[in-house]
Amino acid sequence: SIKAIESSSKEDDTTWLTYWVVYGVFSIAEAFSDIFLYWFPFYYAGKCLFLVWCMAPVTWNGSQVLYQNFVRPYFLKHHQAVDNVLGDLGTKA
């Protein structure tokens, strides 16, 4: 999904791909932190509001903000290492 977002051909799917990338990162982080976070009052209401903000049809929605400020810089910094690992896995498979 990140490769499709960063490609030169931009289409309608960029908005939803951005959402799914942010949602995937959120889901991975939540898998490790959910044991502690579910004890907080209104955790699930906050999680629901966060996901609605990520899907909101506005220019400053959560997916765009989080992708541009956190996910994209991290990916651009480490994309060569990720490509090398995926290439090695492809040859071993």
N, C-alpha and C. Protein backbone atom coordinates (compact mmCIF):
# COMPACT_ATOMS: atom_id res chain seq x y z
N SER A 1 0.82 -1.20 0.00
CA SER A 1 0.00 0.00 0.00
C SER A 1 0.86 1.26 0.00
N ILE A 2 1.95 1.23 0.79
CA ILE A 2 2.81 2.41 0.82
C ILE A 2 3.45 2.63 -0.55
N LYS A 3 3.85 1.56 -1.20
CA LYS A 3 4.44 1.69 -2.54
C LYS A 3 3.42 2.28 -3.51
N ALA A 4 2.15 1.88 -3.42
CA ALA A 4 1.12 2.43 -4.30
C ALA A 4 0.87 3.90 -4.02
N ILE A 5 0.89 4.29 -2.75
CA ILE A 5 0.69 5.70 -2.39
C ILE A 5 1.82 6.55 -2.93
N GLU A 6 3.04 6.05 -2.83
CA GLU A 6 4.22 6.82 -3.25
C GLU A 6 4.49 6.73 -4.74
N SER A 7 3.71 5.94 -5.49
CA SER A 7 3.94 5.82 -6.93
C SER A 7 3.58 7.13 -7.63
N SER A 8 4.03 7.26 -8.87
CA SER A 8 3.80 8.51 -9.60
C SER A 8 2.37 8.62 -10.12
N SER A 9 1.69 7.50 -10.33
CA SER A 9 0.30 7.56 -10.82
C SER A 9 -0.66 7.66 -9.65
N LYS A 10 -1.30 8.81 -9.50
CA LYS A 10 -2.23 9.07 -8.41
C LYS A 10 -3.66 8.85 -8.90
N GLU A 11 -4.42 8.09 -8.15
CA GLU A 11 -5.83 7.86 -8.48
C GLU A 11 -6.66 8.02 -7.22
N ASP A 12 -7.94 7.72 -7.32
CA ASP A 12 -8.86 7.85 -6.18
C ASP A 12 -8.48 6.98 -5.00
N ASP A 13 -7.82 5.89 -5.24
CA ASP A 13 -7.54 4.93 -4.16
C ASP A 13 -6.49 5.41 -3.16
N THR A 14 -5.83 6.51 -3.44
CA THR A 14 -4.79 7.00 -2.53
C THR A 14 -5.36 7.32 -1.14
N THR A 15 -6.54 7.89 -1.09
CA THR A 15 -7.14 8.24 0.20
C THR A 15 -7.39 7.00 1.03
N TRP A 16 -7.97 5.97 0.43
CA TRP A 16 -8.27 4.75 1.19
C TRP A 16 -7.03 3.94 1.47
N LEU A 17 -6.06 3.95 0.58
CA LEU A 17 -4.80 3.26 0.86
C LEU A 17 -4.10 3.91 2.04
N THR A 18 -4.14 5.23 2.12
CA THR A 18 -3.56 5.94 3.25
C THR A 18 -4.25 5.53 4.54
N TYR A 19 -5.59 5.45 4.49
CA TYR A 19 -6.33 5.02 5.68
C TYR A 19 -5.92 3.62 6.09
N TRP A 20 -5.82 2.70 5.15
CA TRP A 20 -5.50 1.31 5.50
C TRP A 20 -4.08 1.17 6.03
N VAL A 21 -3.16 1.96 5.54
CA VAL A 21 -1.79 1.93 6.07
C VAL A 21 -1.79 2.41 7.52
N VAL A 22 -2.46 3.53 7.79
CA VAL A 22 -2.53 4.05 9.15
C VAL A 22 -3.27 3.08 10.06
N TYR A 23 -4.36 2.50 9.57
CA TYR A 23 -5.12 1.53 10.35
C TYR A 23 -4.27 0.30 10.66
N GLY A 24 -3.49 -0.16 9.71
CA GLY A 24 -2.61 -1.30 9.94
C GLY A 24 -1.56 -1.03 11.00
N VAL A 25 -0.95 0.15 10.93
CA VAL A 25 0.04 0.53 11.95
C VAL A 25 -0.63 0.63 13.31
N PHE A 26 -1.83 1.22 13.35
CA PHE A 26 -2.59 1.33 14.59
C PHE A 26 -2.93 -0.05 15.15
N SER A 27 -3.35 -0.97 14.29
CA SER A 27 -3.72 -2.31 14.74
C SER A 27 -2.52 -3.07 15.31
N ILE A 28 -1.37 -2.92 14.70
CA ILE A 28 -0.16 -3.58 15.22
C ILE A 28 0.22 -2.99 16.58
N ALA A 29 0.18 -1.67 16.69
CA ALA A 29 0.50 -1.04 17.98
C ALA A 29 -0.52 -1.42 19.04
N GLU A 30 -1.78 -1.50 18.65
CA GLU A 30 -2.83 -1.84 19.60
C GLU A 30 -2.73 -3.29 20.07
N ALA A 31 -2.23 -4.17 19.24
CA ALA A 31 -2.09 -5.56 19.64
C ALA A 31 -1.18 -5.70 20.86
N PHE A 32 -0.19 -4.85 20.94
CA PHE A 32 0.74 -4.91 22.07
C PHE A 32 0.28 -4.06 23.26
N SER A 33 -0.44 -2.98 22.99
CA SER A 33 -0.80 -2.07 24.07
C SER A 33 -2.22 -2.27 24.60
N ASP A 34 -3.01 -3.08 23.93
CA ASP A 34 -4.41 -3.26 24.33
C ASP A 34 -4.55 -3.85 25.73
N ILE A 35 -3.58 -4.65 26.16
CA ILE A 35 -3.62 -5.26 27.49
C ILE A 35 -3.67 -4.18 28.56
N PHE A 36 -2.99 -3.08 28.34
CA PHE A 36 -2.95 -2.00 29.32
C PHE A 36 -4.01 -0.93 29.06
N LEU A 37 -4.31 -0.67 27.81
CA LEU A 37 -5.20 0.45 27.48
C LEU A 37 -6.66 0.17 27.79
N TYR A 38 -7.10 -1.07 27.72
CA TYR A 38 -8.52 -1.32 27.90
C TYR A 38 -8.98 -1.04 29.32
N TRP A 39 -8.05 -0.85 30.25
CA TRP A 39 -8.41 -0.50 31.62
C TRP A 39 -8.83 0.96 31.75
N PHE A 40 -8.42 1.80 30.82
CA PHE A 40 -8.76 3.22 30.89
C PHE A 40 -10.24 3.43 30.58
N PRO A 41 -10.90 4.27 31.37
CA PRO A 41 -12.31 4.57 31.08
C PRO A 41 -12.45 5.22 29.71
N PHE A 42 -13.47 4.86 29.01
CA PHE A 42 -13.79 5.40 27.69
C PHE A 42 -12.73 5.10 26.64
N TYR A 43 -11.94 4.05 26.86
CA TYR A 43 -10.92 3.68 25.87
C TYR A 43 -11.56 3.34 24.53
N TYR A 44 -12.62 2.53 24.57
CA TYR A 44 -13.24 2.10 23.32
C TYR A 44 -13.98 3.25 22.63
N ALA A 45 -14.54 4.17 23.40
CA ALA A 45 -15.16 5.36 22.80
C ALA A 45 -14.09 6.23 22.14
N GLY A 46 -12.94 6.38 22.80
CA GLY A 46 -11.84 7.14 22.22
C GLY A 46 -11.29 6.47 20.97
N LYS A 47 -11.20 5.16 21.00
CA LYS A 47 -10.73 4.40 19.83
C LYS A 47 -11.69 4.60 18.67
N CYS A 48 -12.98 4.56 18.95
CA CYS A 48 -13.99 4.77 17.91
C CYS A 48 -13.88 6.18 17.33
N LEU A 49 -13.74 7.18 18.17
CA LEU A 49 -13.57 8.56 17.69
C LEU A 49 -12.30 8.72 16.86
N PHE A 50 -11.23 8.06 17.29
CA PHE A 50 -9.97 8.10 16.53
C PHE A 50 -10.17 7.53 15.13
N LEU A 51 -10.85 6.39 15.03
CA LEU A 51 -11.06 5.76 13.72
C LEU A 51 -12.00 6.58 12.85
N VAL A 52 -12.99 7.22 13.43
CA VAL A 52 -13.86 8.11 12.67
C VAL A 52 -13.07 9.30 12.15
N TRP A 53 -12.19 9.86 12.99
CA TRP A 53 -11.33 10.96 12.54
C TRP A 53 -10.44 10.51 11.39
N CYS A 54 -9.96 9.28 11.44
CA CYS A 54 -9.10 8.78 10.36
C CYS A 54 -9.87 8.63 9.05
N MET A 55 -11.18 8.39 9.12
CA MET A 55 -11.99 8.20 7.91
C MET A 55 -12.72 9.47 7.48
N ALA A 56 -12.65 10.52 8.26
CA ALA A 56 -13.42 11.74 7.98
C ALA A 56 -13.09 12.29 6.60
N PRO A 57 -14.13 12.69 5.86
CA PRO A 57 -13.90 13.21 4.49
C PRO A 57 -13.49 14.68 4.49
N VAL A 58 -12.44 15.00 5.21
CA VAL A 58 -11.90 16.35 5.24
C VAL A 58 -10.41 16.29 4.91
N THR A 59 -9.83 17.41 4.56
CA THR A 59 -8.42 17.39 4.17
C THR A 59 -7.48 17.13 5.34
N TRP A 60 -7.91 17.44 6.56
CA TRP A 60 -7.06 17.26 7.75
C TRP A 60 -7.46 16.00 8.53
N ASN A 61 -7.96 14.98 7.82
CA ASN A 61 -8.37 13.77 8.54
C ASN A 61 -7.15 13.05 9.12
N GLY A 62 -7.40 12.19 10.07
CA GLY A 62 -6.34 11.53 10.81
C GLY A 62 -5.38 10.73 9.96
N SER A 63 -5.91 10.07 8.94
CA SER A 63 -5.05 9.25 8.09
C SER A 63 -3.99 10.10 7.39
N GLN A 64 -4.42 11.22 6.83
CA GLN A 64 -3.48 12.09 6.13
C GLN A 64 -2.47 12.70 7.09
N VAL A 65 -2.94 13.16 8.23
CA VAL A 65 -2.05 13.79 9.22
C VAL A 65 -1.02 12.80 9.73
N LEU A 66 -1.48 11.62 10.15
CA LEU A 66 -0.56 10.63 10.71
C LEU A 66 0.37 10.06 9.65
N TYR A 67 -0.16 9.85 8.43
CA TYR A 67 0.70 9.31 7.37
C TYR A 67 1.80 10.30 7.01
N GLN A 68 1.44 11.57 6.79
CA GLN A 68 2.42 12.56 6.37
C GLN A 68 3.45 12.87 7.46
N ASN A 69 3.05 12.83 8.73
CA ASN A 69 3.95 13.23 9.81
C ASN A 69 4.73 12.08 10.45
N PHE A 70 4.23 10.85 10.37
CA PHE A 70 4.89 9.75 11.07
C PHE A 70 5.23 8.57 10.16
N VAL A 71 4.24 8.03 9.47
CA VAL A 71 4.45 6.80 8.69
C VAL A 71 5.36 7.05 7.50
N ARG A 72 5.08 8.08 6.72
CA ARG A 72 5.87 8.35 5.51
C ARG A 72 7.34 8.63 5.81
N PRO A 73 7.66 9.52 6.77
CA PRO A 73 9.08 9.75 7.06
C PRO A 73 9.81 8.48 7.51
N TYR A 74 9.13 7.66 8.33
CA TYR A 74 9.75 6.42 8.78
C TYR A 74 9.97 5.47 7.60
N PHE A 75 8.96 5.36 6.73
CA PHE A 75 9.09 4.50 5.56
C PHE A 75 10.20 4.97 4.63
N LEU A 76 10.24 6.26 4.35
CA LEU A 76 11.27 6.77 3.44
C LEU A 76 12.68 6.57 4.01
N LYS A 77 12.78 6.60 5.32
CA LYS A 77 14.08 6.39 5.96
C LYS A 77 14.53 4.93 5.86
N HIS A 78 13.57 4.00 5.90
CA HIS A 78 13.91 2.58 5.97
C HIS A 78 13.44 1.76 4.76
N HIS A 79 13.00 2.39 3.69
CA HIS A 79 12.43 1.61 2.59
C HIS A 79 13.46 0.71 1.90
N GLN A 80 14.70 1.09 1.83
CA GLN A 80 15.71 0.25 1.18
C GLN A 80 15.92 -1.04 1.96
N ALA A 81 15.95 -0.96 3.28
CA ALA A 81 16.10 -2.17 4.10
C ALA A 81 14.89 -3.08 3.96
N VAL A 82 13.70 -2.51 3.90
CA VAL A 82 12.49 -3.30 3.72
C VAL A 82 12.51 -4.00 2.35
N ASP A 83 12.90 -3.28 1.31
CA ASP A 83 12.99 -3.87 -0.02
C ASP A 83 14.00 -5.01 -0.05
N ASN A 84 15.13 -4.85 0.64
CA ASN A 84 16.14 -5.91 0.68
C ASN A 84 15.61 -7.16 1.38
N VAL A 85 14.92 -6.98 2.49
CA VAL A 85 14.37 -8.12 3.22
C VAL A 85 13.30 -8.82 2.39
N LEU A 86 12.42 -8.06 1.75
CA LEU A 86 11.40 -8.67 0.92
C LEU A 86 12.01 -9.38 -0.30
N GLY A 87 13.07 -8.82 -0.85
CA GLY A 87 13.76 -9.48 -1.96
C GLY A 87 14.40 -10.79 -1.53
N ASP A 88 15.01 -10.80 -0.34
CA ASP A 88 15.60 -12.02 0.18
C ASP A 88 14.55 -13.08 0.45
N LEU A 89 13.41 -12.66 0.99
CA LEU A 89 12.33 -13.61 1.24
C LEU A 89 11.78 -14.18 -0.05
N GLY A 90 11.71 -13.34 -1.07
CA GLY A 90 11.22 -13.80 -2.37
C GLY A 90 12.14 -14.84 -2.99
N THR A 91 13.43 -14.67 -2.86
CA THR A 91 14.36 -15.65 -3.43
C THR A 91 14.37 -16.94 -2.63
N LYS A 92 14.17 -16.85 -1.29
CA LYS A 92 14.15 -18.05 -0.46
C LYS A 92 12.87 -18.84 -0.65
N ALA A 93 11.77 -18.14 -0.98
CA ALA A 93 10.49 -18.83 -1.18
C ALA A 93 10.53 -19.57 -2.48
